[in-house]
Amino acid sequence: MDIATVLPLAFVMIAGPQIISAFFFATSESWGRTSFAYVLGAALSITAVVTAAYLLAKGAGNDGGSDDGSGNDAIDYAIVALLLFAMVYVFRQRGVSEPPKWMGRLQEATPRFTFVLGFLLLGLFPSDLITSFSVGGHLGNHGDPWWQALPFVFLTLLLLALPALLVAALGHRARAFLPKVRDWMSTNSWVVSEVVIVFFILIVLSG
């Protein structure tokens, strides 16, 4: 399987409160520590979900044992069903153009809190859980090596770290325009997510 086919799903992972939180952390006083803890928590949860899905799909495929590939097809159909659910979820969240008021307090969050938030948001948030599970499940179902999920994980983490990286590189200039980027992504990121999910559904069905 071409690794590039799963990379676009990284944009689905960070769309919504995930990237918005990263922007808040990047504009806080202790932006370096809080952003690092946030990305670290996300790294652990994403890797755990992808790995679990990979092992489950690989085991289910082996247990099917039929030459006609019906077991693999069933897993693919389950992945498509999950992705369709994710599409509906993302579409229903599209009207949330402003971040919740509680997110304004994230600029005062501690590294411990941001670590837990990163772990929970990127691991248990419905669209992220489904996306990570789909990536791991698809790779395991088609006999691809586990490491092919790592570029997807790394790109997701890079996107989450991007606001902090911009602050590190540009300083106060980044702090001036990051809120504008945050607001734009809060309003429009759902469109990118829907396109990417449709793309991956077509990949799964064509496989």
N, C-alpha and C. Protein backbone atom coordinates (compact mmCIF):
# COMPACT_ATOMS: atom_id res chain seq x y z
N MET A 1 0.84 -1.20 0.00
CA MET A 1 0.00 0.00 0.00
C MET A 1 0.88 1.24 0.00
N ASP A 2 0.48 2.23 -0.75
CA ASP A 2 1.21 3.49 -0.81
C ASP A 2 0.99 4.26 0.48
N ILE A 3 2.09 4.63 1.17
CA ILE A 3 1.98 5.35 2.43
C ILE A 3 1.23 6.66 2.25
N ALA A 4 1.38 7.27 1.08
CA ALA A 4 0.77 8.57 0.83
C ALA A 4 -0.75 8.53 0.93
N THR A 5 -1.35 7.35 0.80
CA THR A 5 -2.81 7.28 0.83
C THR A 5 -3.37 7.55 2.22
N VAL A 6 -2.58 7.30 3.28
CA VAL A 6 -3.09 7.54 4.63
C VAL A 6 -2.64 8.89 5.19
N LEU A 7 -1.65 9.51 4.57
CA LEU A 7 -1.15 10.78 5.09
C LEU A 7 -2.21 11.88 5.15
N PRO A 8 -3.08 12.04 4.13
CA PRO A 8 -4.06 13.12 4.21
C PRO A 8 -4.98 13.05 5.42
N LEU A 9 -5.15 11.85 5.99
CA LEU A 9 -6.02 11.72 7.15
C LEU A 9 -5.47 12.44 8.37
N ALA A 10 -4.20 12.83 8.32
CA ALA A 10 -3.64 13.62 9.42
C ALA A 10 -4.37 14.95 9.57
N PHE A 11 -4.87 15.51 8.46
CA PHE A 11 -5.60 16.77 8.52
C PHE A 11 -6.95 16.59 9.20
N VAL A 12 -7.55 15.40 9.06
CA VAL A 12 -8.80 15.11 9.77
C VAL A 12 -8.52 15.04 11.27
N MET A 13 -7.37 14.50 11.62
CA MET A 13 -7.02 14.33 13.03
C MET A 13 -6.95 15.66 13.78
N ILE A 14 -6.44 16.69 13.13
CA ILE A 14 -6.19 17.95 13.86
C ILE A 14 -7.29 18.97 13.67
N ALA A 15 -8.27 18.70 12.80
CA ALA A 15 -9.34 19.66 12.56
C ALA A 15 -10.26 19.74 13.78
N GLY A 16 -10.57 20.94 14.21
CA GLY A 16 -11.47 21.11 15.34
C GLY A 16 -10.73 21.54 16.60
N PRO A 17 -11.21 21.09 17.77
CA PRO A 17 -10.60 21.54 19.04
C PRO A 17 -9.15 21.11 19.19
N GLN A 18 -8.72 20.11 18.42
CA GLN A 18 -7.33 19.65 18.54
C GLN A 18 -6.35 20.75 18.13
N ILE A 19 -6.52 21.32 16.95
CA ILE A 19 -5.60 22.36 16.49
C ILE A 19 -5.89 23.69 17.18
N ILE A 20 -7.16 23.93 17.52
CA ILE A 20 -7.50 25.18 18.22
C ILE A 20 -6.80 25.22 19.57
N SER A 21 -6.79 24.07 20.27
CA SER A 21 -6.07 24.00 21.55
C SER A 21 -4.59 24.29 21.35
N ALA A 22 -4.02 23.74 20.27
CA ALA A 22 -2.60 23.97 20.00
C ALA A 22 -2.30 25.46 19.81
N PHE A 23 -3.22 26.18 19.18
CA PHE A 23 -3.04 27.62 18.99
C PHE A 23 -3.07 28.34 20.33
N PHE A 24 -3.99 27.96 21.21
CA PHE A 24 -4.05 28.58 22.52
C PHE A 24 -2.77 28.35 23.31
N PHE A 25 -2.27 27.11 23.27
CA PHE A 25 -1.03 26.80 24.00
C PHE A 25 0.15 27.60 23.44
N ALA A 26 0.18 27.75 22.12
CA ALA A 26 1.30 28.45 21.49
C ALA A 26 1.33 29.94 21.83
N THR A 27 0.20 30.48 22.25
CA THR A 27 0.14 31.91 22.59
C THR A 27 0.09 32.13 24.10
N SER A 28 0.39 31.10 24.88
CA SER A 28 0.41 31.22 26.34
C SER A 28 1.81 31.62 26.81
N GLU A 29 1.93 31.93 28.09
CA GLU A 29 3.22 32.34 28.64
C GLU A 29 4.24 31.21 28.58
N SER A 30 3.86 30.03 29.03
CA SER A 30 4.77 28.88 29.01
C SER A 30 4.49 28.01 27.80
N TRP A 31 4.48 28.63 26.62
CA TRP A 31 4.05 27.96 25.40
C TRP A 31 4.93 26.77 25.04
N GLY A 32 6.21 26.81 25.35
CA GLY A 32 7.10 25.71 24.98
C GLY A 32 6.77 24.43 25.72
N ARG A 33 6.64 24.53 27.04
CA ARG A 33 6.38 23.34 27.86
C ARG A 33 4.99 22.79 27.62
N THR A 34 4.00 23.69 27.56
CA THR A 34 2.63 23.22 27.39
C THR A 34 2.42 22.60 26.01
N SER A 35 3.01 23.19 24.99
CA SER A 35 2.86 22.64 23.64
C SER A 35 3.56 21.29 23.52
N PHE A 36 4.75 21.16 24.11
CA PHE A 36 5.46 19.89 24.07
C PHE A 36 4.67 18.80 24.78
N ALA A 37 4.13 19.11 25.95
CA ALA A 37 3.34 18.13 26.70
C ALA A 37 2.09 17.72 25.92
N TYR A 38 1.48 18.67 25.26
CA TYR A 38 0.27 18.41 24.47
C TYR A 38 0.58 17.44 23.33
N VAL A 39 1.65 17.70 22.60
CA VAL A 39 2.03 16.85 21.48
C VAL A 39 2.46 15.46 21.97
N LEU A 40 3.14 15.41 23.11
CA LEU A 40 3.56 14.13 23.66
C LEU A 40 2.36 13.27 24.03
N GLY A 41 1.38 13.87 24.69
CA GLY A 41 0.16 13.12 25.02
C GLY A 41 -0.53 12.61 23.78
N ALA A 42 -0.59 13.46 22.75
CA ALA A 42 -1.21 13.05 21.49
C ALA A 42 -0.45 11.91 20.84
N ALA A 43 0.88 11.97 20.91
CA ALA A 43 1.70 10.92 20.29
C ALA A 43 1.41 9.56 20.91
N LEU A 44 1.28 9.52 22.21
CA LEU A 44 1.03 8.25 22.89
C LEU A 44 -0.33 7.68 22.53
N SER A 45 -1.36 8.52 22.53
CA SER A 45 -2.71 8.02 22.27
C SER A 45 -2.90 7.61 20.82
N ILE A 46 -2.39 8.41 19.88
CA ILE A 46 -2.53 8.07 18.46
C ILE A 46 -1.83 6.76 18.16
N THR A 47 -0.61 6.63 18.65
CA THR A 47 0.15 5.40 18.41
C THR A 47 -0.53 4.19 19.01
N ALA A 48 -1.10 4.36 20.20
CA ALA A 48 -1.78 3.24 20.86
C ALA A 48 -3.01 2.79 20.07
N VAL A 49 -3.81 3.74 19.60
CA VAL A 49 -5.03 3.39 18.86
C VAL A 49 -4.68 2.76 17.51
N VAL A 50 -3.74 3.35 16.79
CA VAL A 50 -3.33 2.81 15.50
C VAL A 50 -2.80 1.38 15.66
N THR A 51 -1.97 1.18 16.68
CA THR A 51 -1.38 -0.14 16.90
C THR A 51 -2.45 -1.17 17.26
N ALA A 52 -3.37 -0.79 18.14
CA ALA A 52 -4.44 -1.71 18.53
C ALA A 52 -5.28 -2.10 17.33
N ALA A 53 -5.64 -1.11 16.51
CA ALA A 53 -6.44 -1.39 15.32
C ALA A 53 -5.68 -2.27 14.34
N TYR A 54 -4.40 -2.01 14.20
CA TYR A 54 -3.56 -2.81 13.29
C TYR A 54 -3.54 -4.27 13.73
N LEU A 55 -3.32 -4.50 15.00
CA LEU A 55 -3.24 -5.87 15.51
C LEU A 55 -4.58 -6.58 15.42
N LEU A 56 -5.65 -5.87 15.71
CA LEU A 56 -6.99 -6.47 15.62
C LEU A 56 -7.32 -6.86 14.18
N ALA A 57 -7.04 -5.95 13.24
CA ALA A 57 -7.35 -6.23 11.83
C ALA A 57 -6.48 -7.35 11.30
N LYS A 58 -5.23 -7.36 11.69
CA LYS A 58 -4.32 -8.40 11.22
C LYS A 58 -4.74 -9.76 11.78
N GLY A 59 -5.12 -9.77 13.06
CA GLY A 59 -5.58 -11.02 13.65
C GLY A 59 -6.89 -11.51 13.06
N ALA A 60 -7.81 -10.57 12.81
CA ALA A 60 -9.10 -10.95 12.22
C ALA A 60 -8.91 -11.48 10.81
N GLY A 61 -8.01 -10.86 10.06
CA GLY A 61 -7.74 -11.32 8.71
C GLY A 61 -7.16 -12.72 8.68
N ASN A 62 -6.26 -13.00 9.62
CA ASN A 62 -5.66 -14.33 9.69
C ASN A 62 -6.66 -15.38 10.13
N ASP A 63 -7.56 -14.99 11.06
CA ASP A 63 -8.55 -15.94 11.55
C ASP A 63 -9.58 -16.28 10.48
N GLY A 64 -9.80 -15.30 9.56
CA GLY A 64 -10.79 -15.56 8.49
C GLY A 64 -10.38 -16.75 7.67
N GLY A 65 -9.11 -16.76 7.28
CA GLY A 65 -8.51 -17.90 6.62
C GLY A 65 -9.15 -18.35 5.34
N SER A 66 -10.07 -17.62 4.76
CA SER A 66 -10.73 -18.06 3.54
C SER A 66 -10.00 -17.50 2.34
N ASP A 67 -9.92 -18.27 1.28
CA ASP A 67 -9.19 -17.86 0.09
C ASP A 67 -9.93 -16.79 -0.70
N ASP A 68 -11.23 -16.65 -0.49
CA ASP A 68 -11.98 -15.68 -1.29
C ASP A 68 -11.84 -14.25 -0.76
N GLY A 69 -11.15 -14.10 0.38
CA GLY A 69 -10.93 -12.75 0.91
C GLY A 69 -12.14 -12.13 1.54
N SER A 70 -13.15 -12.93 1.90
CA SER A 70 -14.36 -12.36 2.48
C SER A 70 -14.10 -11.71 3.82
N GLY A 71 -13.13 -12.28 4.59
CA GLY A 71 -12.79 -11.68 5.87
C GLY A 71 -12.21 -10.29 5.70
N ASN A 72 -11.29 -10.14 4.76
CA ASN A 72 -10.70 -8.82 4.49
C ASN A 72 -11.74 -7.83 4.00
N ASP A 73 -12.65 -8.31 3.16
CA ASP A 73 -13.71 -7.42 2.65
C ASP A 73 -14.60 -6.93 3.78
N ALA A 74 -14.89 -7.82 4.72
CA ALA A 74 -15.74 -7.42 5.85
C ALA A 74 -15.09 -6.32 6.67
N ILE A 75 -13.77 -6.43 6.88
CA ILE A 75 -13.05 -5.40 7.62
C ILE A 75 -13.06 -4.09 6.86
N ASP A 76 -12.87 -4.16 5.54
CA ASP A 76 -12.91 -2.94 4.73
C ASP A 76 -14.27 -2.27 4.82
N TYR A 77 -15.33 -3.06 4.77
CA TYR A 77 -16.68 -2.48 4.86
C TYR A 77 -16.91 -1.85 6.23
N ALA A 78 -16.35 -2.47 7.27
CA ALA A 78 -16.48 -1.90 8.61
C ALA A 78 -15.75 -0.57 8.69
N ILE A 79 -14.58 -0.50 8.06
CA ILE A 79 -13.83 0.76 8.04
C ILE A 79 -14.60 1.84 7.30
N VAL A 80 -15.19 1.48 6.16
CA VAL A 80 -15.99 2.45 5.40
C VAL A 80 -17.16 2.95 6.24
N ALA A 81 -17.82 2.03 6.98
CA ALA A 81 -18.94 2.43 7.83
C ALA A 81 -18.48 3.42 8.90
N LEU A 82 -17.33 3.16 9.50
CA LEU A 82 -16.78 4.08 10.50
C LEU A 82 -16.47 5.44 9.89
N LEU A 83 -15.91 5.43 8.69
CA LEU A 83 -15.57 6.70 8.04
C LEU A 83 -16.82 7.49 7.65
N LEU A 84 -17.87 6.79 7.27
CA LEU A 84 -19.13 7.48 6.97
C LEU A 84 -19.69 8.13 8.23
N PHE A 85 -19.56 7.42 9.35
CA PHE A 85 -19.98 8.01 10.63
C PHE A 85 -19.16 9.26 10.93
N ALA A 86 -17.85 9.18 10.67
CA ALA A 86 -16.98 10.34 10.89
C ALA A 86 -17.39 11.51 10.02
N MET A 87 -17.79 11.22 8.77
CA MET A 87 -18.24 12.28 7.88
C MET A 87 -19.45 13.00 8.45
N VAL A 88 -20.40 12.22 8.94
CA VAL A 88 -21.61 12.81 9.53
C VAL A 88 -21.25 13.65 10.75
N TYR A 89 -20.37 13.11 11.58
CA TYR A 89 -19.96 13.83 12.79
C TYR A 89 -19.30 15.16 12.44
N VAL A 90 -18.36 15.13 11.49
CA VAL A 90 -17.66 16.35 11.09
C VAL A 90 -18.64 17.36 10.50
N PHE A 91 -19.58 16.87 9.69
CA PHE A 91 -20.55 17.77 9.07
C PHE A 91 -21.42 18.45 10.12
N ARG A 92 -21.81 17.70 11.14
CA ARG A 92 -22.66 18.28 12.18
C ARG A 92 -21.91 19.30 13.03
N GLN A 93 -20.59 19.19 13.07
CA GLN A 93 -19.79 20.12 13.86
C GLN A 93 -19.39 21.36 13.07
N ARG A 94 -19.79 21.43 11.80
CA ARG A 94 -19.30 22.51 10.94
C ARG A 94 -19.77 23.88 11.38
N GLY A 95 -20.90 23.97 12.07
CA GLY A 95 -21.46 25.26 12.45
C GLY A 95 -20.78 25.91 13.63
N VAL A 96 -19.85 25.18 14.25
CA VAL A 96 -19.16 25.73 15.41
C VAL A 96 -18.03 26.62 14.93
N SER A 97 -18.34 27.88 14.70
CA SER A 97 -17.36 28.82 14.14
C SER A 97 -16.50 29.48 15.20
N GLU A 98 -16.93 29.46 16.46
CA GLU A 98 -16.15 30.06 17.53
C GLU A 98 -15.77 28.98 18.53
N PRO A 99 -14.54 29.01 19.04
CA PRO A 99 -14.15 28.02 20.04
C PRO A 99 -14.96 28.19 21.31
N PRO A 100 -15.23 27.12 22.05
CA PRO A 100 -15.98 27.24 23.31
C PRO A 100 -15.29 28.20 24.27
N LYS A 101 -16.07 28.82 25.15
CA LYS A 101 -15.50 29.81 26.06
C LYS A 101 -14.45 29.19 26.98
N TRP A 102 -14.66 27.91 27.35
CA TRP A 102 -13.71 27.29 28.26
C TRP A 102 -12.31 27.18 27.66
N MET A 103 -12.23 27.21 26.32
CA MET A 103 -10.93 27.07 25.69
C MET A 103 -10.05 28.30 25.92
N GLY A 104 -10.67 29.42 26.24
CA GLY A 104 -9.88 30.61 26.54
C GLY A 104 -8.99 30.43 27.75
N ARG A 105 -9.37 29.51 28.66
CA ARG A 105 -8.57 29.25 29.86
C ARG A 105 -7.38 28.36 29.58
N LEU A 106 -7.28 27.83 28.35
CA LEU A 106 -6.16 26.96 28.02
C LEU A 106 -4.83 27.69 28.05
N GLN A 107 -4.86 29.01 27.90
CA GLN A 107 -3.62 29.77 27.92
C GLN A 107 -2.99 29.79 29.30
N GLU A 108 -3.74 29.37 30.32
CA GLU A 108 -3.21 29.29 31.68
C GLU A 108 -3.01 27.84 32.12
N ALA A 109 -3.10 26.90 31.19
CA ALA A 109 -3.02 25.48 31.53
C ALA A 109 -1.59 25.08 31.89
N THR A 110 -1.48 24.05 32.72
CA THR A 110 -0.17 23.51 33.09
C THR A 110 0.23 22.42 32.10
N PRO A 111 1.52 22.10 32.01
CA PRO A 111 1.96 21.01 31.13
C PRO A 111 1.27 19.68 31.44
N ARG A 112 1.03 19.41 32.71
CA ARG A 112 0.35 18.17 33.08
C ARG A 112 -1.05 18.12 32.48
N PHE A 113 -1.75 19.25 32.56
CA PHE A 113 -3.10 19.30 32.00
C PHE A 113 -3.07 19.15 30.49
N THR A 114 -2.13 19.81 29.82
CA THR A 114 -2.09 19.74 28.36
C THR A 114 -1.70 18.34 27.88
N PHE A 115 -0.87 17.64 28.67
CA PHE A 115 -0.53 16.26 28.33
C PHE A 115 -1.78 15.39 28.34
N VAL A 116 -2.56 15.51 29.40
CA VAL A 116 -3.79 14.72 29.50
C VAL A 116 -4.77 15.11 28.40
N LEU A 117 -4.88 16.40 28.13
CA LEU A 117 -5.80 16.86 27.09
C LEU A 117 -5.38 16.32 25.72
N GLY A 118 -4.08 16.36 25.43
CA GLY A 118 -3.60 15.82 24.15
C GLY A 118 -3.89 14.34 24.03
N PHE A 119 -3.69 13.62 25.12
CA PHE A 119 -3.94 12.17 25.11
C PHE A 119 -5.42 11.88 24.85
N LEU A 120 -6.30 12.63 25.52
CA LEU A 120 -7.73 12.36 25.40
C LEU A 120 -8.31 12.87 24.07
N LEU A 121 -7.92 14.09 23.67
CA LEU A 121 -8.47 14.66 22.44
C LEU A 121 -8.09 13.84 21.22
N LEU A 122 -6.82 13.49 21.11
CA LEU A 122 -6.35 12.77 19.92
C LEU A 122 -6.59 11.28 20.01
N GLY A 123 -6.93 10.78 21.21
CA GLY A 123 -7.17 9.36 21.35
C GLY A 123 -8.62 8.97 21.46
N LEU A 124 -9.45 9.83 22.08
CA LEU A 124 -10.84 9.47 22.35
C LEU A 124 -11.87 10.35 21.65
N PHE A 125 -11.45 11.47 21.09
CA PHE A 125 -12.38 12.32 20.35
C PHE A 125 -12.94 11.51 19.18
N PRO A 126 -14.27 11.49 18.99
CA PRO A 126 -14.88 10.56 18.02
C PRO A 126 -14.22 10.52 16.64
N SER A 127 -14.04 11.68 16.02
CA SER A 127 -13.47 11.69 14.67
C SER A 127 -12.02 11.20 14.66
N ASP A 128 -11.27 11.51 15.71
CA ASP A 128 -9.88 11.07 15.78
C ASP A 128 -9.77 9.58 16.06
N LEU A 129 -10.61 9.09 16.97
CA LEU A 129 -10.61 7.66 17.27
C LEU A 129 -10.93 6.86 16.02
N ILE A 130 -11.93 7.29 15.27
CA ILE A 130 -12.32 6.59 14.05
C ILE A 130 -11.21 6.67 13.00
N THR A 131 -10.60 7.84 12.86
CA THR A 131 -9.55 8.01 11.85
C THR A 131 -8.34 7.14 12.15
N SER A 132 -7.85 7.19 13.39
CA SER A 132 -6.70 6.37 13.76
C SER A 132 -7.01 4.89 13.62
N PHE A 133 -8.21 4.50 14.03
CA PHE A 133 -8.62 3.10 13.92
C PHE A 133 -8.68 2.68 12.46
N SER A 134 -9.15 3.57 11.60
CA SER A 134 -9.26 3.26 10.18
C SER A 134 -7.88 3.08 9.55
N VAL A 135 -6.94 3.94 9.92
CA VAL A 135 -5.58 3.84 9.38
C VAL A 135 -4.94 2.52 9.80
N GLY A 136 -4.95 2.23 11.10
CA GLY A 136 -4.36 0.99 11.58
C GLY A 136 -5.07 -0.24 11.05
N GLY A 137 -6.41 -0.17 11.02
CA GLY A 137 -7.17 -1.31 10.52
C GLY A 137 -6.94 -1.58 9.05
N HIS A 138 -6.83 -0.53 8.27
CA HIS A 138 -6.62 -0.70 6.83
C HIS A 138 -5.24 -1.29 6.55
N LEU A 139 -4.23 -0.81 7.26
CA LEU A 139 -2.88 -1.34 7.06
C LEU A 139 -2.80 -2.81 7.49
N GLY A 140 -3.37 -3.11 8.65
CA GLY A 140 -3.34 -4.49 9.12
C GLY A 140 -4.14 -5.43 8.26
N ASN A 141 -5.25 -4.94 7.74
CA ASN A 141 -6.12 -5.78 6.92
C ASN A 141 -5.48 -6.15 5.59
N HIS A 142 -4.62 -5.28 5.08
CA HIS A 142 -3.99 -5.53 3.78
C HIS A 142 -2.56 -6.03 3.89
N GLY A 143 -2.17 -6.43 5.10
CA GLY A 143 -0.87 -7.05 5.28
C GLY A 143 0.32 -6.12 5.18
N ASP A 144 0.08 -4.83 5.32
CA ASP A 144 1.18 -3.87 5.27
C ASP A 144 1.91 -3.84 6.61
N PRO A 145 3.19 -3.53 6.63
CA PRO A 145 3.92 -3.47 7.90
C PRO A 145 3.43 -2.34 8.80
N TRP A 146 3.54 -2.54 10.10
CA TRP A 146 3.04 -1.57 11.07
C TRP A 146 3.71 -0.20 10.91
N TRP A 147 5.00 -0.20 10.56
CA TRP A 147 5.72 1.06 10.50
C TRP A 147 5.16 2.02 9.46
N GLN A 148 4.37 1.51 8.52
CA GLN A 148 3.79 2.41 7.52
C GLN A 148 2.77 3.38 8.12
N ALA A 149 2.35 3.12 9.34
CA ALA A 149 1.46 4.07 10.02
C ALA A 149 2.23 5.23 10.63
N LEU A 150 3.54 5.09 10.78
CA LEU A 150 4.33 6.12 11.45
C LEU A 150 4.35 7.47 10.72
N PRO A 151 4.45 7.50 9.38
CA PRO A 151 4.37 8.81 8.71
C PRO A 151 3.06 9.55 9.00
N PHE A 152 1.96 8.80 9.09
CA PHE A 152 0.67 9.39 9.45
C PHE A 152 0.73 9.99 10.86
N VAL A 153 1.30 9.24 11.79
CA VAL A 153 1.42 9.72 13.18
C VAL A 153 2.32 10.95 13.23
N PHE A 154 3.47 10.89 12.55
CA PHE A 154 4.42 12.00 12.58
C PHE A 154 3.84 13.26 11.96
N LEU A 155 3.11 13.12 10.85
CA LEU A 155 2.53 14.30 10.21
C LEU A 155 1.46 14.92 11.10
N THR A 156 0.65 14.09 11.75
CA THR A 156 -0.35 14.61 12.68
C THR A 156 0.32 15.40 13.80
N LEU A 157 1.39 14.86 14.36
CA LEU A 157 2.10 15.54 15.44
C LEU A 157 2.76 16.82 14.95
N LEU A 158 3.29 16.80 13.73
CA LEU A 158 3.90 18.01 13.18
C LEU A 158 2.88 19.12 13.02
N LEU A 159 1.68 18.77 12.56
CA LEU A 159 0.63 19.78 12.40
C LEU A 159 0.21 20.34 13.76
N LEU A 160 0.14 19.46 14.77
CA LEU A 160 -0.20 19.94 16.11
C LEU A 160 0.88 20.86 16.67
N ALA A 161 2.12 20.56 16.34
CA ALA A 161 3.24 21.36 16.86
C ALA A 161 3.48 22.62 16.05
N LEU A 162 2.85 22.75 14.89
CA LEU A 162 3.14 23.86 13.98
C LEU A 162 2.93 25.24 14.61
N PRO A 163 1.84 25.48 15.37
CA PRO A 163 1.71 26.81 15.99
C PRO A 163 2.89 27.15 16.90
N ALA A 164 3.33 26.18 17.71
CA ALA A 164 4.47 26.44 18.60
C ALA A 164 5.75 26.63 17.81
N LEU A 165 5.92 25.88 16.73
CA LEU A 165 7.10 26.04 15.89
C LEU A 165 7.14 27.43 15.25
N LEU A 166 5.97 27.93 14.88
CA LEU A 166 5.91 29.27 14.30
C LEU A 166 6.29 30.33 15.32
N VAL A 167 5.84 30.14 16.57
CA VAL A 167 6.21 31.09 17.62
C VAL A 167 7.71 31.04 17.87
N ALA A 168 8.28 29.83 17.86
CA ALA A 168 9.72 29.69 18.07
C ALA A 168 10.51 30.37 16.96
N ALA A 169 9.98 30.32 15.75
CA ALA A 169 10.71 30.88 14.61
C ALA A 169 10.47 32.37 14.42
N LEU A 170 9.23 32.82 14.67
CA LEU A 170 8.86 34.19 14.34
C LEU A 170 8.58 35.08 15.55
N GLY A 171 8.47 34.48 16.72
CA GLY A 171 8.26 35.28 17.93
C GLY A 171 6.93 36.01 17.94
N HIS A 172 6.99 37.30 18.26
CA HIS A 172 5.77 38.11 18.41
C HIS A 172 4.99 38.24 17.10
N ARG A 173 5.68 38.17 15.99
CA ARG A 173 4.97 38.24 14.71
C ARG A 173 3.99 37.07 14.56
N ALA A 174 4.41 35.90 15.01
CA ALA A 174 3.53 34.73 14.95
C ALA A 174 2.35 34.90 15.89
N ARG A 175 2.58 35.44 17.07
CA ARG A 175 1.50 35.64 18.03
C ARG A 175 0.44 36.59 17.50
N ALA A 176 0.83 37.46 16.58
CA ALA A 176 -0.12 38.43 16.04
C ALA A 176 -1.08 37.80 15.05
N PHE A 177 -0.59 36.86 14.21
CA PHE A 177 -1.48 36.31 13.19
C PHE A 177 -2.04 34.93 13.52
N LEU A 178 -1.50 34.25 14.55
CA LEU A 178 -2.01 32.93 14.90
C LEU A 178 -3.50 32.93 15.26
N PRO A 179 -4.01 33.91 16.01
CA PRO A 179 -5.45 33.91 16.29
C PRO A 179 -6.31 33.99 15.03
N LYS A 180 -5.83 34.71 14.01
CA LYS A 180 -6.59 34.79 12.76
C LYS A 180 -6.61 33.45 12.04
N VAL A 181 -5.47 32.76 12.04
CA VAL A 181 -5.41 31.43 11.44
C VAL A 181 -6.30 30.47 12.20
N ARG A 182 -6.27 30.59 13.52
CA ARG A 182 -7.10 29.73 14.36
C ARG A 182 -8.58 29.90 14.03
N ASP A 183 -9.02 31.15 13.90
CA ASP A 183 -10.43 31.41 13.59
C ASP A 183 -10.81 30.87 12.21
N TRP A 184 -9.89 31.02 11.24
CA TRP A 184 -10.18 30.51 9.89
C TRP A 184 -10.33 29.00 9.91
N MET A 185 -9.42 28.32 10.60
CA MET A 185 -9.48 26.87 10.65
C MET A 185 -10.71 26.39 11.40
N SER A 186 -11.09 27.11 12.43
CA SER A 186 -12.28 26.74 13.18
C SER A 186 -13.52 26.77 12.31
N THR A 187 -13.54 27.69 11.33
CA THR A 187 -14.70 27.84 10.47
C THR A 187 -14.66 26.93 9.25
N ASN A 188 -13.48 26.68 8.69
CA ASN A 188 -13.40 26.03 7.38
C ASN A 188 -12.75 24.65 7.35
N SER A 189 -12.17 24.21 8.45
CA SER A 189 -11.42 22.95 8.41
C SER A 189 -12.31 21.74 8.13
N TRP A 190 -13.61 21.87 8.43
CA TRP A 190 -14.49 20.73 8.21
C TRP A 190 -14.56 20.37 6.72
N VAL A 191 -14.42 21.35 5.84
CA VAL A 191 -14.48 21.07 4.40
C VAL A 191 -13.31 20.18 3.99
N VAL A 192 -12.11 20.52 4.47
CA VAL A 192 -10.93 19.70 4.17
C VAL A 192 -11.12 18.29 4.72
N SER A 193 -11.66 18.20 5.92
CA SER A 193 -11.86 16.88 6.53
C SER A 193 -12.80 16.02 5.70
N GLU A 194 -13.88 16.59 5.24
CA GLU A 194 -14.84 15.82 4.45
C GLU A 194 -14.22 15.32 3.15
N VAL A 195 -13.46 16.18 2.49
CA VAL A 195 -12.83 15.80 1.23
C VAL A 195 -11.84 14.65 1.46
N VAL A 196 -11.05 14.75 2.52
CA VAL A 196 -10.06 13.72 2.81
C VAL A 196 -10.72 12.40 3.15
N ILE A 197 -11.79 12.44 3.94
CA ILE A 197 -12.49 11.20 4.30
C ILE A 197 -13.07 10.52 3.07
N VAL A 198 -13.68 11.30 2.17
CA VAL A 198 -14.21 10.73 0.93
C VAL A 198 -13.09 10.09 0.12
N PHE A 199 -11.95 10.77 0.06
CA PHE A 199 -10.80 10.25 -0.67
C PHE A 199 -10.37 8.88 -0.10
N PHE A 200 -10.30 8.79 1.22
CA PHE A 200 -9.85 7.54 1.82
C PHE A 200 -10.90 6.44 1.67
N ILE A 201 -12.16 6.79 1.71
CA ILE A 201 -13.22 5.79 1.48
C ILE A 201 -13.04 5.17 0.08
N LEU A 202 -12.76 6.02 -0.89
CA LEU A 202 -12.56 5.52 -2.27
C LEU A 202 -11.33 4.62 -2.33
N ILE A 203 -10.29 4.95 -1.57
CA ILE A 203 -9.10 4.12 -1.52
C ILE A 203 -9.43 2.74 -0.95
N VAL A 204 -10.19 2.74 0.13
CA VAL A 204 -10.56 1.48 0.79
C VAL A 204 -11.40 0.62 -0.14
N LEU A 205 -12.38 1.22 -0.80
CA LEU A 205 -13.28 0.46 -1.67
C LEU A 205 -12.56 -0.05 -2.91
N SER A 206 -11.60 0.72 -3.38
CA SER A 206 -10.88 0.29 -4.58
C SER A 206 -9.85 -0.79 -4.29
N GLY A 207 -9.50 -0.93 -2.99
CA GLY A 207 -8.52 -1.96 -2.62
C GLY A 207 -9.12 -3.32 -2.55
